[in-house]
Amino acid sequence: MNYFTARKLMKTLQLVCLEYPKYLLLLIVCVGLSINPLQAQDYWRFSNVQYDGEYFYAVADDHYQVVKLDKDGNVLASFGQKGRGPGEFLTDGLDLALIDTALYVLDNRALHITTLDKTTFLSIERKKLKKSASHIINYSGIPYGFVMDFEETNPFETGVMIEAFRPVDKLEDPGASLFNIRDESPMNPFYDSEAIYASGDFILITREGINRFVLFNGDSLYKRRIPGVEELALGREITKNTNSLERPIAKIFWKEKIMPEYILITSAYLEDHMLYVQVHSYKLGDVLISYNIQTDRFRERGALSNGELLAVDGDTVYTMDGTDIQTTLLSDIGSCRDEMVSFYFGQGVFEEDCTRCQESLLKWYDYARENNIPIQLVLEDDSWFGAKEVNAQTLGNIKAWDLWGAVSYKKGCDDCFETSISARISSDHKTSEFYSLPAPLPSFKEELQCMQE
């Protein structure tokens, strides 16, 4: 039974209950249905997820709510609704911070912070803020807000952006800043949109479209670049015809800026001295990279494509796909790191109508993603002079088919492009034959050694 059929059945039962409340058991069912029919299924996506080692706490997008989840993704408790009063929020994209037994909920639009008891999920207090903050974090047991410092400079006029962390009760006081971040580059919100993570004495600031991050460890602030990844997410120049910006004034204001085709840093998790970053790169595909703060070393762990990274707890990696929480062993991610499925696309394939080819491709592709197997997308290089380079148009074509992986062009390859779409599985020890798609999925599964170990 699908979701819409289930809701129709629920509505019918409610009407029956109202007409014929003759039996106590039926009456109890009626009350339950009228209070909250299919509550868990109403959620379509969770974001800004926090983890305390036992439970997850998240924002329910489009619901103006925060929820408590178990490790299977079941909703255990919820708080909030749209509005201006106590227990209500004006901001859809709320931000969260866990501090001891409390959950702090930042409603930036309403300039309020609501504190919940994380066990009972009841409100403890609601405070008014004196200045807007985009994020809230736990630093050494104190809630800090992340603010743009207009007191020092106006980035819309100067092109220089200064941001700072301050205690939530002193957001308007530049003298209370824990530290400042000064970016001399012209501000572009599509690349500079930040994600903030904190653990112990460490604070991490990542930018969605840039491969560098900033790390603060209590007495020093330094930047690092993720190796092997493009410096910037590829994108197209913003013009008056850019469809992604609906308001004409926005197209004028951001003219000659770049609209990225994808988010380069998908998610990150910081715990003690270990940082885990999930990267969505056209050079590497979807991969999990760790960074040891103490040794200053990066390590590619393997493909991570079965959802957005939530947390790493020992050898267990938690990811979320929509509202589903999945668990994968870190060692399992590494076991398939040396195997790869390569898909080869002949000239003009993205303009062709090959339904059976595409259906077979997506079956192979989805199986690889669900099992965190590295994916390579190889396109035929039909240029006469020089060599084709991967650009925003290339990625736009690939995204139109809802594909992603390590993207490259290739020419002069025997058997690679004899058909519209073909596939090959390779590892350090073995390389399979070329499979012309459509081809049965079991053939793919039999070739994967890491799935049989």
Protein backbone atom coordinates (compact mmCIF):
# COMPACT_ATOMS: atom_id res chain seq x y z
CA MET A 1 0.00 0.00 0.00
CA ASN A 2 1.49 3.36 -0.98
CA TYR A 3 1.36 6.54 1.06
CA PHE A 4 -1.56 8.16 -0.78
CA THR A 5 -3.70 5.03 -0.60
CA ALA A 6 -2.95 4.79 3.11
CA ARG A 7 -4.03 8.39 3.71
CA LYS A 8 -7.27 7.83 1.79
CA LEU A 9 -7.96 4.75 3.93
CA MET A 10 -7.24 6.74 7.08
CA LYS A 11 -9.70 9.45 6.03
CA THR A 12 -12.39 6.87 5.31
CA LEU A 13 -11.90 5.28 8.74
CA GLN A 14 -12.19 8.68 10.38
CA LEU A 15 -15.57 9.28 8.71
CA VAL A 16 -16.78 5.82 9.75
CA CYS A 17 -15.69 6.51 13.31
CA LEU A 18 -17.61 9.77 13.44
CA GLU A 19 -20.78 8.11 12.09
CA TYR A 20 -20.63 4.92 14.12
CA PRO A 21 -18.75 5.36 17.44
CA LYS A 22 -20.52 2.35 18.98
CA TYR A 23 -17.63 0.36 20.28
CA LEU A 24 -14.94 1.43 22.70
CA LEU A 25 -12.10 -0.11 20.70
CA LEU A 26 -13.28 1.61 17.54
CA LEU A 27 -13.60 4.89 19.43
CA ILE A 28 -9.99 4.61 20.63
CA VAL A 29 -8.86 4.07 17.03
CA CYS A 30 -10.93 7.09 15.96
CA VAL A 31 -9.28 9.33 18.51
CA GLY A 32 -5.83 8.17 17.45
CA LEU A 33 -6.58 8.79 13.79
CA SER A 34 -8.01 12.26 14.37
CA ILE A 35 -5.10 13.41 16.51
CA ASN A 36 -2.22 12.56 14.19
CA PRO A 37 -2.80 10.36 11.12
CA LEU A 38 0.39 8.88 9.68
CA GLN A 39 2.59 11.36 11.53
CA ALA A 40 5.95 9.81 10.62
CA GLN A 41 5.06 9.54 6.92
CA ASP A 42 4.30 13.26 6.70
CA TYR A 43 8.01 14.04 6.93
CA TRP A 44 9.93 14.09 3.67
CA ARG A 45 13.38 15.27 4.73
CA PHE A 46 15.41 15.97 7.88
CA SER A 47 18.33 18.42 8.06
CA ASN A 48 20.80 20.01 10.51
CA VAL A 49 21.10 16.67 12.30
CA GLN A 50 22.80 16.41 15.72
CA TYR A 51 23.94 13.16 17.38
CA ASP A 52 24.56 12.47 21.07
CA GLY A 53 25.78 8.87 20.75
CA GLU A 54 22.32 7.41 21.30
CA TYR A 55 19.75 9.55 19.49
CA PHE A 56 19.56 11.94 16.55
CA TYR A 57 17.96 15.39 16.70
CA ALA A 58 16.96 17.10 13.47
CA VAL A 59 14.94 19.80 11.77
CA ALA A 60 11.86 18.58 9.89
CA ASP A 61 11.95 20.59 6.67
CA ASP A 62 8.70 22.41 5.79
CA HIS A 63 7.20 21.55 9.19
CA TYR A 64 8.74 24.24 11.43
CA GLN A 65 9.58 21.44 13.83
CA VAL A 66 12.48 19.69 15.50
CA VAL A 67 12.32 15.92 16.00
CA LYS A 68 14.05 13.23 18.02
CA LEU A 69 14.98 10.04 16.17
CA ASP A 70 16.31 6.66 17.15
CA LYS A 71 19.09 4.97 15.16
CA ASP A 72 16.53 3.33 12.88
CA GLY A 73 15.10 6.73 11.91
CA ASN A 74 11.86 6.37 13.89
CA VAL A 75 10.39 9.67 15.14
CA LEU A 76 10.22 9.46 18.93
CA ALA A 77 9.19 13.04 19.68
CA SER A 78 8.53 16.34 17.92
CA PHE A 79 8.27 19.98 18.95
CA GLY A 80 7.03 23.09 17.20
CA GLN A 81 4.77 24.42 14.50
CA LYS A 82 4.57 27.54 12.36
CA GLY A 83 3.73 30.70 14.29
CA ARG A 84 4.98 33.50 16.52
CA GLY A 85 4.05 32.25 19.95
CA PRO A 86 5.68 29.89 22.49
CA GLY A 87 6.41 26.51 20.93
CA GLU A 88 6.23 28.03 17.46
CA PHE A 89 8.83 29.01 14.84
CA LEU A 90 8.98 31.42 11.89
CA THR A 91 12.08 29.94 10.27
CA ASP A 92 11.71 26.79 8.21
CA GLY A 93 15.47 26.09 8.25
CA LEU A 94 16.05 26.07 12.01
CA ASP A 95 19.50 25.41 13.46
CA LEU A 96 20.32 23.16 16.44
CA ALA A 97 23.00 22.74 19.09
CA LEU A 98 23.27 20.05 21.77
CA ILE A 99 24.71 21.11 25.13
CA ASP A 100 24.64 18.53 27.92
CA THR A 101 20.96 17.60 28.41
CA ALA A 102 19.54 20.55 26.44
CA LEU A 103 18.77 21.14 22.77
CA TYR A 104 19.06 24.77 21.63
CA VAL A 105 16.88 25.72 18.65
CA LEU A 106 17.77 28.89 16.74
CA ASP A 107 14.87 30.65 14.99
CA ASN A 108 16.80 33.28 13.07
CA ARG A 109 13.80 34.96 11.50
CA ALA A 110 11.99 35.41 14.80
CA LEU A 111 15.26 36.27 16.64
CA HIS A 112 14.56 33.64 19.30
CA ILE A 113 16.36 30.67 20.85
CA THR A 114 14.18 27.97 22.35
CA THR A 115 15.79 25.55 24.81
CA LEU A 116 14.34 22.03 25.03
CA ASP A 117 14.98 19.21 27.48
CA LYS A 118 16.35 16.58 25.08
CA THR A 119 14.81 13.73 27.10
CA THR A 120 11.25 15.02 27.57
CA PHE A 121 11.34 17.30 24.50
CA LEU A 122 9.56 19.99 26.51
CA SER A 123 10.44 23.67 26.39
CA ILE A 124 12.65 25.01 29.18
CA GLU A 125 12.86 28.64 28.08
CA ARG A 126 12.61 30.99 25.10
CA LYS A 127 15.03 33.91 24.75
CA LYS A 128 14.96 36.96 22.47
CA LEU A 129 18.16 37.71 20.51
CA LYS A 130 19.55 41.21 19.94
CA LYS A 131 21.18 40.32 16.62
CA SER A 132 20.59 37.84 13.83
CA ALA A 133 22.76 34.69 13.70
CA SER A 134 22.86 32.07 10.95
CA HIS A 135 24.10 29.17 13.11
CA ILE A 136 24.30 28.09 16.73
CA ILE A 137 27.02 25.81 18.12
CA ASN A 138 28.17 24.29 21.39
CA TYR A 139 31.66 25.50 22.26
CA SER A 140 33.00 24.40 25.65
CA GLY A 141 29.45 24.09 26.99
CA ILE A 142 28.39 27.61 25.92
CA PRO A 143 26.01 28.40 23.04
CA TYR A 144 27.67 30.60 20.41
CA GLY A 145 26.10 32.22 17.37
CA PHE A 146 27.70 32.71 13.96
CA VAL A 147 27.16 36.29 12.77
CA MET A 148 28.10 38.51 9.85
CA ASP A 149 29.92 41.47 11.35
CA PHE A 150 28.32 44.55 9.82
CA GLU A 151 29.83 46.58 12.69
CA GLU A 152 33.22 46.46 10.94
CA THR A 153 32.33 46.39 7.24
CA ASN A 154 29.40 46.09 4.88
CA PRO A 155 30.25 43.19 2.53
CA PHE A 156 27.66 44.28 -0.03
CA GLU A 157 29.65 47.50 -0.52
CA THR A 158 33.25 46.43 0.13
CA GLY A 159 33.22 42.85 -1.14
CA VAL A 160 34.98 41.87 2.11
CA MET A 161 33.13 39.50 4.42
CA ILE A 162 33.88 39.36 8.14
CA GLU A 163 32.17 36.71 10.23
CA ALA A 164 32.47 35.95 13.92
CA PHE A 165 31.42 33.59 16.71
CA ARG A 166 29.93 35.25 19.79
CA PRO A 167 27.97 34.07 22.85
CA VAL A 168 24.27 34.18 22.04
CA ASP A 169 23.66 36.78 24.74
CA LYS A 170 26.35 39.07 23.26
CA LEU A 171 25.82 38.70 19.52
CA GLU A 172 25.84 42.46 18.99
CA ASP A 173 29.17 43.01 20.80
CA PRO A 174 32.28 42.79 18.53
CA GLY A 175 34.46 42.68 21.64
CA ALA A 176 32.90 39.37 22.68
CA SER A 177 33.98 37.53 19.50
CA LEU A 178 35.67 34.18 20.01
CA PHE A 179 37.43 34.78 16.67
CA ASN A 180 36.80 36.48 13.33
CA ILE A 181 37.04 35.15 9.79
CA ARG A 182 37.98 37.71 7.16
CA ASP A 183 37.51 36.76 3.51
CA GLU A 184 38.98 39.19 1.01
CA SER A 185 37.43 37.40 -1.97
CA PRO A 186 34.34 39.02 -3.52
CA MET A 187 31.35 37.57 -1.75
CA ASN A 188 29.33 34.99 -3.68
CA PRO A 189 26.58 33.40 -1.55
CA PHE A 190 26.34 30.36 -3.81
CA TYR A 191 29.91 29.36 -2.95
CA ASP A 192 30.30 30.97 0.47
CA SER A 193 27.24 29.37 2.06
CA GLU A 194 28.72 27.82 5.19
CA ALA A 195 28.15 24.74 7.31
CA ILE A 196 29.35 24.81 10.92
CA TYR A 197 30.39 21.86 13.08
CA ALA A 198 31.74 21.85 16.63
CA SER A 199 33.14 19.24 19.01
CA GLY A 200 35.01 19.87 22.24
CA ASP A 201 37.49 22.68 21.63
CA PHE A 202 37.26 22.44 17.83
CA ILE A 203 35.10 24.46 15.45
CA LEU A 204 34.91 23.62 11.74
CA ILE A 205 33.63 25.96 9.02
CA THR A 206 33.15 24.52 5.53
CA ARG A 207 31.91 26.23 2.36
CA GLU A 208 29.53 24.35 0.10
CA GLY A 209 31.26 25.17 -3.17
CA ILE A 210 34.93 25.45 -2.08
CA ASN A 211 37.37 22.65 -1.22
CA ARG A 212 38.94 24.43 1.74
CA PHE A 213 37.79 24.56 5.35
CA VAL A 214 38.67 26.61 8.42
CA LEU A 215 39.48 24.94 11.75
CA PHE A 216 39.68 26.64 15.14
CA ASN A 217 41.16 24.68 18.04
CA GLY A 218 41.01 27.11 20.96
CA ASP A 219 44.25 29.01 20.44
CA SER A 220 44.81 28.97 16.67
CA LEU A 221 42.91 29.30 13.42
CA TYR A 222 44.09 27.68 10.20
CA LYS A 223 42.87 26.70 6.73
CA ARG A 224 43.24 23.42 4.89
CA ARG A 225 42.44 22.30 1.35
CA ILE A 226 41.11 18.83 0.63
CA PRO A 227 43.58 17.09 -1.71
CA GLY A 228 42.54 15.60 -5.04
CA VAL A 229 39.37 17.69 -5.24
CA GLU A 230 38.59 20.61 -7.55
CA GLU A 231 39.24 23.98 -5.91
CA LEU A 232 35.76 25.27 -6.78
CA ALA A 233 32.56 23.54 -7.81
CA LEU A 234 32.17 24.06 -11.54
CA GLY A 235 29.43 26.46 -12.51
CA ARG A 236 28.05 28.85 -15.07
CA GLU A 237 28.17 32.63 -15.12
CA ILE A 238 25.03 34.32 -13.84
CA THR A 239 23.24 36.30 -16.55
CA LYS A 240 19.79 37.76 -17.04
CA ASN A 241 18.72 34.34 -18.39
CA THR A 242 19.78 32.36 -15.28
CA ASN A 243 16.67 30.41 -14.31
CA SER A 244 17.89 29.53 -10.80
CA LEU A 245 17.43 33.14 -9.64
CA GLU A 246 13.78 34.09 -9.81
CA ARG A 247 14.04 37.74 -8.77
CA PRO A 248 15.39 40.08 -11.50
CA ILE A 249 17.21 42.23 -8.93
CA ALA A 250 19.19 39.16 -7.81
CA LYS A 251 20.38 38.57 -11.38
CA ILE A 252 21.60 42.16 -11.58
CA PHE A 253 23.26 42.11 -8.16
CA TRP A 254 25.11 38.84 -8.75
CA LYS A 255 25.92 39.46 -12.42
CA GLU A 256 29.25 37.91 -13.48
CA LYS A 257 29.24 35.66 -10.42
CA ILE A 258 29.17 31.89 -10.87
CA MET A 259 26.21 29.64 -10.13
CA PRO A 260 27.67 26.24 -9.12
CA GLU A 261 26.22 23.11 -10.69
CA TYR A 262 26.59 21.09 -7.48
CA ILE A 263 27.52 21.22 -3.80
CA LEU A 264 31.15 20.19 -3.45
CA ILE A 265 31.22 19.47 0.31
CA THR A 266 28.03 17.58 1.08
CA SER A 267 28.45 17.04 4.81
CA ALA A 268 31.01 16.68 7.59
CA TYR A 269 31.28 15.20 11.06
CA LEU A 270 33.72 16.32 13.73
CA GLU A 271 34.50 14.20 16.77
CA ASP A 272 37.47 14.92 19.04
CA HIS A 273 40.55 15.09 16.78
CA MET A 274 38.98 13.33 13.76
CA LEU A 275 37.15 15.08 10.94
CA TYR A 276 35.12 13.20 8.32
CA VAL A 277 34.13 15.04 5.14
CA GLN A 278 31.74 13.75 2.49
CA VAL A 279 32.76 15.15 -0.89
CA HIS A 280 30.66 15.36 -4.08
CA SER A 281 33.41 15.90 -6.63
CA TYR A 282 33.54 15.46 -10.39
CA LYS A 283 37.16 14.34 -9.97
CA LEU A 284 36.60 11.72 -7.25
CA GLY A 285 32.85 11.08 -7.26
CA ASP A 286 31.05 10.72 -3.90
CA VAL A 287 33.75 9.87 -1.36
CA LEU A 288 34.40 9.94 2.38
CA ILE A 289 37.66 11.62 3.40
CA SER A 290 39.04 11.72 6.93
CA TYR A 291 41.39 14.31 8.38
CA ASN A 292 43.41 13.65 11.54
CA ILE A 293 43.82 17.02 13.24
CA GLN A 294 46.71 15.84 15.42
CA THR A 295 48.81 14.42 12.56
CA ASP A 296 47.55 16.87 9.89
CA ARG A 297 46.89 14.01 7.46
CA PHE A 298 44.09 13.35 4.99
CA ARG A 299 42.94 9.85 4.05
CA GLU A 300 40.48 8.76 1.39
CA ARG A 301 38.25 6.13 3.01
CA GLY A 302 36.21 5.07 0.01
CA ALA A 303 32.98 5.82 -1.83
CA LEU A 304 30.05 7.04 0.29
CA SER A 305 27.00 7.45 -1.91
CA ASN A 306 24.12 5.78 -0.04
CA GLY A 307 23.04 8.98 1.74
CA GLU A 308 24.23 12.14 3.47
CA LEU A 309 26.79 11.66 6.24
CA LEU A 310 25.32 12.11 9.73
CA ALA A 311 27.88 10.70 12.14
CA VAL A 312 30.76 8.28 12.60
CA ASP A 313 30.62 6.30 15.84
CA GLY A 314 33.60 3.96 16.13
CA ASP A 315 33.45 1.78 13.01
CA THR A 316 29.80 2.66 12.29
CA VAL A 317 28.93 5.30 9.70
CA TYR A 318 25.40 6.75 9.82
CA THR A 319 23.92 8.26 6.67
CA MET A 320 20.49 9.66 5.84
CA ASP A 321 18.57 9.40 2.59
CA GLY A 322 15.49 11.62 2.95
CA THR A 323 14.18 10.40 6.30
CA ASP A 324 15.80 6.94 6.25
CA ILE A 325 18.84 6.39 8.46
CA GLN A 326 21.28 3.76 7.22
CA THR A 327 24.31 2.23 8.90
CA THR A 328 27.49 1.12 7.16
CA LEU A 329 30.75 -0.13 8.62
CA LEU A 330 33.73 2.09 7.96
CA SER A 331 35.70 -1.05 7.15
CA ASP A 332 33.10 -2.05 4.54
CA ILE A 333 33.42 1.33 2.83
CA GLY A 334 37.16 0.71 2.57
CA SER A 335 36.74 -2.85 1.28
CA CYS A 336 35.28 -1.66 -2.05
CA ARG A 337 37.65 1.29 -2.42
CA ASP A 338 39.91 -0.57 -4.89
CA GLU A 339 37.06 -1.67 -7.15
CA MET A 340 35.27 0.57 -9.61
CA VAL A 341 32.45 0.38 -12.12
CA SER A 342 33.08 2.51 -15.20
CA PHE A 343 30.25 3.56 -17.49
CA TYR A 344 31.20 4.61 -21.03
CA PHE A 345 28.96 6.99 -22.98
CA GLY A 346 29.29 7.28 -26.74
CA GLN A 347 29.02 10.50 -28.68
CA GLY A 348 25.56 12.09 -28.55
CA VAL A 349 24.15 9.53 -26.10
CA PHE A 350 22.50 12.20 -23.94
CA GLU A 351 20.44 13.33 -26.95
CA GLU A 352 19.44 9.80 -27.96
CA ASP A 353 16.26 8.00 -26.95
CA CYS A 354 17.42 4.62 -25.68
CA THR A 355 14.91 3.68 -22.97
CA ARG A 356 16.16 0.12 -22.46
CA CYS A 357 19.80 1.30 -22.30
CA GLN A 358 18.94 3.94 -19.71
CA GLU A 359 16.84 1.59 -17.58
CA SER A 360 19.64 -0.98 -17.46
CA LEU A 361 22.21 1.73 -16.73
CA LEU A 362 20.20 3.04 -13.78
CA LYS A 363 19.84 -0.45 -12.30
CA TRP A 364 23.62 -0.94 -12.38
CA TYR A 365 24.22 2.60 -11.20
CA ASP A 366 21.73 2.44 -8.29
CA TYR A 367 23.17 -0.87 -7.09
CA ALA A 368 26.66 0.64 -7.07
CA ARG A 369 25.53 3.72 -5.14
CA GLU A 370 23.51 1.76 -2.59
CA ASN A 371 26.60 -0.36 -1.85
CA ASN A 372 29.15 2.50 -1.88
CA ILE A 373 31.03 1.21 -4.93
CA PRO A 374 33.19 3.83 -6.72
CA ILE A 375 31.68 5.04 -9.99
CA GLN A 376 33.47 6.47 -13.01
CA LEU A 377 31.64 8.18 -15.89
CA VAL A 378 33.69 8.21 -19.11
CA LEU A 379 32.51 10.26 -22.08
CA GLU A 380 33.75 9.89 -25.63
CA ASP A 381 36.08 12.70 -26.67
CA ASP A 382 35.04 13.55 -30.23
CA SER A 383 37.10 16.75 -30.52
CA TRP A 384 39.37 17.28 -33.51
CA PHE A 385 41.97 19.46 -31.81
CA GLY A 386 43.27 19.21 -28.27
CA ALA A 387 41.28 17.38 -25.63
CA LYS A 388 37.88 18.05 -24.18
CA GLU A 389 37.73 19.31 -20.61
CA VAL A 390 34.98 18.64 -18.11
CA ASN A 391 32.94 21.82 -17.72
CA ALA A 392 29.60 22.97 -16.34
CA GLN A 393 27.79 21.93 -19.54
CA THR A 394 29.22 18.40 -19.23
CA LEU A 395 28.00 18.11 -15.66
CA GLY A 396 24.62 19.56 -16.60
CA ASN A 397 24.14 16.77 -19.16
CA ILE A 398 25.10 14.11 -16.62
CA LYS A 399 22.87 15.56 -13.91
CA ALA A 400 19.93 15.56 -16.32
CA TRP A 401 20.15 11.76 -16.14
CA ASP A 402 20.54 11.96 -12.33
CA LEU A 403 24.07 10.51 -12.48
CA TRP A 404 27.26 11.31 -10.61
CA GLY A 405 30.77 9.94 -10.34
CA ALA A 406 34.36 10.66 -11.32
CA VAL A 407 33.90 12.29 -14.75
CA SER A 408 36.40 12.25 -17.61
CA TYR A 409 36.70 12.34 -21.39
CA LYS A 410 38.52 9.64 -23.36
CA LYS A 411 39.38 9.02 -27.00
CA GLY A 412 41.01 6.18 -28.93
CA CYS A 413 39.69 3.43 -26.66
CA ASP A 414 39.07 0.06 -28.32
CA ASP A 415 35.63 -1.39 -27.47
CA CYS A 416 34.78 1.50 -25.10
CA PHE A 417 32.31 3.28 -27.35
CA GLU A 418 31.18 0.60 -29.78
CA THR A 419 27.68 0.92 -28.30
CA SER A 420 25.80 3.88 -26.85
CA ILE A 421 26.44 2.82 -23.25
CA SER A 422 28.78 0.13 -21.95
CA ALA A 423 30.19 -0.79 -18.54
CA ARG A 424 33.29 -2.46 -17.13
CA ILE A 425 34.27 -3.47 -13.59
CA SER A 426 37.92 -3.16 -12.64
CA SER A 427 40.12 -3.65 -9.59
CA ASP A 428 43.81 -4.01 -8.76
CA HIS A 429 43.59 -7.72 -9.59
CA LYS A 430 41.05 -8.03 -12.39
CA THR A 431 39.37 -6.16 -15.23
CA SER A 432 36.11 -7.46 -16.65
CA GLU A 433 34.98 -7.52 -20.26
CA PHE A 434 32.91 -4.65 -21.63
CA TYR A 435 29.19 -5.13 -21.04
CA SER A 436 26.99 -3.49 -23.64
CA LEU A 437 23.90 -2.10 -21.93
CA PRO A 438 21.20 -3.24 -21.55
CA ALA A 439 22.73 -6.16 -19.66
CA PRO A 440 21.39 -8.21 -16.70
CA LEU A 441 22.19 -6.89 -13.22
CA PRO A 442 23.37 -10.32 -11.94
CA SER A 443 26.29 -10.08 -14.36
CA PHE A 444 27.40 -6.94 -12.56
CA LYS A 445 27.01 -8.47 -9.10
CA GLU A 446 29.07 -11.51 -10.04
CA GLU A 447 32.00 -9.32 -11.08
CA LEU A 448 32.22 -7.44 -7.75
CA GLN A 449 34.72 -9.20 -5.52
CA CYS A 450 34.27 -6.87 -2.53
CA MET A 451 30.55 -7.75 -2.31
CA GLN A 452 31.35 -11.46 -2.14
CA GLU A 453 33.93 -11.31 0.66
